[in-house]
Amino acid sequence: MKKQITPKEMLYILKKIGFNEDRVKGSHHHYIHPDGRKTTIPIHRNEQLGPGLLLKIIKQDLKISKDEFFKLLKEK
């Protein structure tokens, strides 16, 4: 399992599952889903999302399983 992904890869998944950009404040991009789910993705140049933040976003914000997330990423 890939432990880190780029913010660009995360944004691809967010758009694929129906999230839309709500606002941007500095390097933090806020996304919202029509069903009310929300998440914030830090986009820093040349940095990846660490494994802890990645798992938090997948489980708590997106409310999908790790397997489902990485399956979507492979379909890219």
N, C-alpha and C. Protein backbone atom coordinates (compact mmCIF):
# COMPACT_ATOMS: atom_id res chain seq x y z
N MET A 1 0.84 -1.18 0.00
CA MET A 1 0.00 0.00 0.00
C MET A 1 0.88 1.24 0.00
N LYS A 2 0.53 2.18 -0.84
CA LYS A 2 1.24 3.44 -0.91
C LYS A 2 0.92 4.26 0.33
N LYS A 3 1.94 4.70 1.06
CA LYS A 3 1.71 5.39 2.33
C LYS A 3 1.58 6.90 2.18
N GLN A 4 2.06 7.45 1.08
CA GLN A 4 1.95 8.88 0.86
C GLN A 4 1.45 9.13 -0.55
N ILE A 5 0.65 10.15 -0.69
CA ILE A 5 0.23 10.55 -2.03
C ILE A 5 0.39 12.07 -2.13
N THR A 6 0.37 12.57 -3.33
CA THR A 6 0.50 14.00 -3.54
C THR A 6 -0.88 14.65 -3.37
N PRO A 7 -0.89 15.94 -3.04
CA PRO A 7 -2.17 16.63 -2.97
C PRO A 7 -2.92 16.58 -4.30
N LYS A 8 -2.19 16.59 -5.41
CA LYS A 8 -2.82 16.52 -6.73
C LYS A 8 -3.60 15.20 -6.89
N GLU A 9 -3.02 14.10 -6.41
CA GLU A 9 -3.72 12.81 -6.46
C GLU A 9 -4.97 12.84 -5.58
N MET A 10 -4.86 13.47 -4.42
CA MET A 10 -6.02 13.57 -3.52
C MET A 10 -7.12 14.38 -4.16
N LEU A 11 -6.78 15.49 -4.81
CA LEU A 11 -7.79 16.31 -5.46
C LEU A 11 -8.49 15.55 -6.57
N TYR A 12 -7.74 14.71 -7.28
CA TYR A 12 -8.33 13.87 -8.32
C TYR A 12 -9.41 12.96 -7.72
N ILE A 13 -9.11 12.33 -6.59
CA ILE A 13 -10.07 11.43 -5.94
C ILE A 13 -11.27 12.22 -5.44
N LEU A 14 -11.03 13.37 -4.83
CA LEU A 14 -12.14 14.19 -4.31
C LEU A 14 -13.13 14.53 -5.43
N LYS A 15 -12.61 14.97 -6.55
CA LYS A 15 -13.48 15.33 -7.67
C LYS A 15 -14.20 14.10 -8.21
N LYS A 16 -13.50 12.98 -8.23
CA LYS A 16 -14.08 11.74 -8.75
C LYS A 16 -15.27 11.27 -7.92
N ILE A 17 -15.23 11.51 -6.60
CA ILE A 17 -16.33 11.04 -5.75
C ILE A 17 -17.33 12.15 -5.43
N GLY A 18 -17.21 13.29 -6.10
CA GLY A 18 -18.26 14.30 -6.01
C GLY A 18 -18.00 15.50 -5.14
N PHE A 19 -16.79 15.69 -4.64
CA PHE A 19 -16.48 16.86 -3.83
C PHE A 19 -16.20 18.06 -4.74
N ASN A 20 -16.58 19.24 -4.29
CA ASN A 20 -16.34 20.48 -5.03
C ASN A 20 -15.57 21.44 -4.13
N GLU A 21 -14.71 22.24 -4.76
CA GLU A 21 -13.95 23.21 -3.99
C GLU A 21 -14.90 24.26 -3.43
N ASP A 22 -14.81 24.49 -2.14
CA ASP A 22 -15.67 25.45 -1.45
C ASP A 22 -14.96 26.80 -1.33
N ARG A 23 -13.70 26.74 -0.87
CA ARG A 23 -12.92 27.97 -0.73
C ARG A 23 -11.45 27.61 -0.56
N VAL A 24 -10.62 28.63 -0.69
CA VAL A 24 -9.18 28.48 -0.51
C VAL A 24 -8.73 29.55 0.46
N LYS A 25 -7.97 29.14 1.47
CA LYS A 25 -7.41 30.09 2.41
C LYS A 25 -5.92 29.76 2.54
N GLY A 26 -5.11 30.55 1.88
CA GLY A 26 -3.68 30.28 1.85
C GLY A 26 -3.42 29.00 1.07
N SER A 27 -2.73 28.07 1.71
CA SER A 27 -2.41 26.80 1.03
C SER A 27 -3.43 25.72 1.37
N HIS A 28 -4.50 26.07 2.07
CA HIS A 28 -5.50 25.08 2.47
C HIS A 28 -6.74 25.21 1.59
N HIS A 29 -7.03 24.13 0.89
CA HIS A 29 -8.17 24.08 -0.01
C HIS A 29 -9.29 23.31 0.69
N HIS A 30 -10.44 23.94 0.81
CA HIS A 30 -11.59 23.35 1.50
C HIS A 30 -12.57 22.80 0.47
N TYR A 31 -12.95 21.55 0.65
CA TYR A 31 -13.85 20.87 -0.27
C TYR A 31 -15.09 20.42 0.47
N ILE A 32 -16.23 20.42 -0.24
CA ILE A 32 -17.49 20.00 0.35
C ILE A 32 -18.21 19.08 -0.64
N HIS A 33 -18.90 18.09 -0.09
CA HIS A 33 -19.67 17.14 -0.88
C HIS A 33 -21.14 17.54 -0.77
N PRO A 34 -21.95 17.30 -1.79
CA PRO A 34 -23.37 17.65 -1.71
C PRO A 34 -24.10 17.03 -0.50
N ASP A 35 -23.61 15.91 0.02
CA ASP A 35 -24.26 15.28 1.17
C ASP A 35 -23.79 15.87 2.51
N GLY A 36 -22.90 16.88 2.47
CA GLY A 36 -22.47 17.56 3.69
C GLY A 36 -21.08 17.22 4.19
N ARG A 37 -20.45 16.18 3.64
CA ARG A 37 -19.08 15.86 4.06
C ARG A 37 -18.14 17.00 3.66
N LYS A 38 -17.15 17.27 4.50
CA LYS A 38 -16.18 18.34 4.24
C LYS A 38 -14.77 17.84 4.52
N THR A 39 -13.83 18.42 3.82
CA THR A 39 -12.42 18.12 4.10
C THR A 39 -11.56 19.30 3.70
N THR A 40 -10.38 19.36 4.27
CA THR A 40 -9.40 20.40 3.94
C THR A 40 -8.11 19.71 3.53
N ILE A 41 -7.58 20.13 2.40
CA ILE A 41 -6.35 19.54 1.88
C ILE A 41 -5.26 20.62 1.85
N PRO A 42 -4.15 20.41 2.59
CA PRO A 42 -3.05 21.36 2.51
C PRO A 42 -2.25 21.10 1.23
N ILE A 43 -2.04 22.13 0.47
CA ILE A 43 -1.30 21.98 -0.78
C ILE A 43 -0.03 22.80 -0.67
N HIS A 44 1.06 22.10 -0.36
CA HIS A 44 2.36 22.73 -0.23
C HIS A 44 3.25 22.21 -1.34
N ARG A 45 3.98 23.08 -1.93
CA ARG A 45 4.83 22.75 -3.06
C ARG A 45 5.82 21.63 -2.72
N ASN A 46 5.88 20.64 -3.56
CA ASN A 46 6.82 19.52 -3.46
C ASN A 46 6.67 18.70 -2.17
N GLU A 47 5.51 18.71 -1.55
CA GLU A 47 5.28 17.89 -0.36
C GLU A 47 4.13 16.93 -0.61
N GLN A 48 4.20 15.80 0.07
CA GLN A 48 3.15 14.81 -0.02
C GLN A 48 2.32 14.84 1.25
N LEU A 49 1.13 14.24 1.18
CA LEU A 49 0.31 14.09 2.37
C LEU A 49 0.87 12.92 3.16
N GLY A 50 1.17 13.13 4.41
CA GLY A 50 1.72 12.07 5.24
C GLY A 50 0.70 10.99 5.54
N PRO A 51 1.15 9.82 5.99
CA PRO A 51 0.24 8.70 6.22
C PRO A 51 -0.82 8.98 7.28
N GLY A 52 -0.49 9.71 8.33
CA GLY A 52 -1.47 10.02 9.37
C GLY A 52 -2.58 10.91 8.86
N LEU A 53 -2.21 11.99 8.16
CA LEU A 53 -3.20 12.90 7.60
C LEU A 53 -4.03 12.19 6.53
N LEU A 54 -3.37 11.39 5.73
CA LEU A 54 -4.08 10.65 4.67
C LEU A 54 -5.16 9.75 5.26
N LEU A 55 -4.82 8.98 6.29
CA LEU A 55 -5.81 8.10 6.92
C LEU A 55 -6.94 8.89 7.57
N LYS A 56 -6.62 10.02 8.18
CA LYS A 56 -7.65 10.86 8.80
C LYS A 56 -8.63 11.34 7.74
N ILE A 57 -8.11 11.82 6.62
CA ILE A 57 -8.98 12.32 5.55
C ILE A 57 -9.85 11.19 5.00
N ILE A 58 -9.25 10.03 4.74
CA ILE A 58 -10.01 8.91 4.16
C ILE A 58 -11.11 8.45 5.10
N LYS A 59 -10.76 8.19 6.35
CA LYS A 59 -11.72 7.59 7.28
C LYS A 59 -12.73 8.59 7.84
N GLN A 60 -12.27 9.75 8.30
CA GLN A 60 -13.16 10.68 8.98
C GLN A 60 -13.86 11.67 8.05
N ASP A 61 -13.14 12.15 7.04
CA ASP A 61 -13.72 13.18 6.17
C ASP A 61 -14.46 12.57 4.98
N LEU A 62 -13.79 11.67 4.27
CA LEU A 62 -14.42 11.08 3.08
C LEU A 62 -15.39 9.95 3.45
N LYS A 63 -15.15 9.33 4.60
CA LYS A 63 -15.98 8.22 5.10
C LYS A 63 -16.05 7.06 4.09
N ILE A 64 -14.86 6.70 3.58
CA ILE A 64 -14.73 5.52 2.73
C ILE A 64 -13.61 4.67 3.30
N SER A 65 -13.51 3.43 2.83
CA SER A 65 -12.45 2.55 3.32
C SER A 65 -11.14 2.85 2.59
N LYS A 66 -10.03 2.43 3.21
CA LYS A 66 -8.72 2.59 2.57
C LYS A 66 -8.69 1.83 1.25
N ASP A 67 -9.27 0.61 1.26
CA ASP A 67 -9.27 -0.19 0.03
C ASP A 67 -10.01 0.52 -1.09
N GLU A 68 -11.17 1.10 -0.77
CA GLU A 68 -11.95 1.82 -1.78
C GLU A 68 -11.18 3.02 -2.30
N PHE A 69 -10.51 3.75 -1.40
CA PHE A 69 -9.73 4.91 -1.80
C PHE A 69 -8.62 4.52 -2.78
N PHE A 70 -7.85 3.49 -2.41
CA PHE A 70 -6.72 3.11 -3.27
C PHE A 70 -7.18 2.45 -4.56
N LYS A 71 -8.35 1.85 -4.55
CA LYS A 71 -8.93 1.32 -5.80
C LYS A 71 -9.23 2.48 -6.74
N LEU A 72 -9.83 3.56 -6.21
CA LEU A 72 -10.11 4.73 -7.02
C LEU A 72 -8.82 5.35 -7.55
N LEU A 73 -7.78 5.35 -6.74
CA LEU A 73 -6.51 5.92 -7.14
C LEU A 73 -5.87 5.10 -8.28
N LYS A 74 -6.03 3.77 -8.21
CA LYS A 74 -5.48 2.91 -9.27
C LYS A 74 -6.20 3.10 -10.59
N GLU A 75 -7.49 3.47 -10.54
CA GLU A 75 -8.29 3.66 -11.76
C GLU A 75 -7.90 4.92 -12.50
N LYS A 76 -7.05 5.72 -11.92
CA LYS A 76 -6.64 7.01 -12.48
C LYS A 76 -6.15 6.89 -13.89
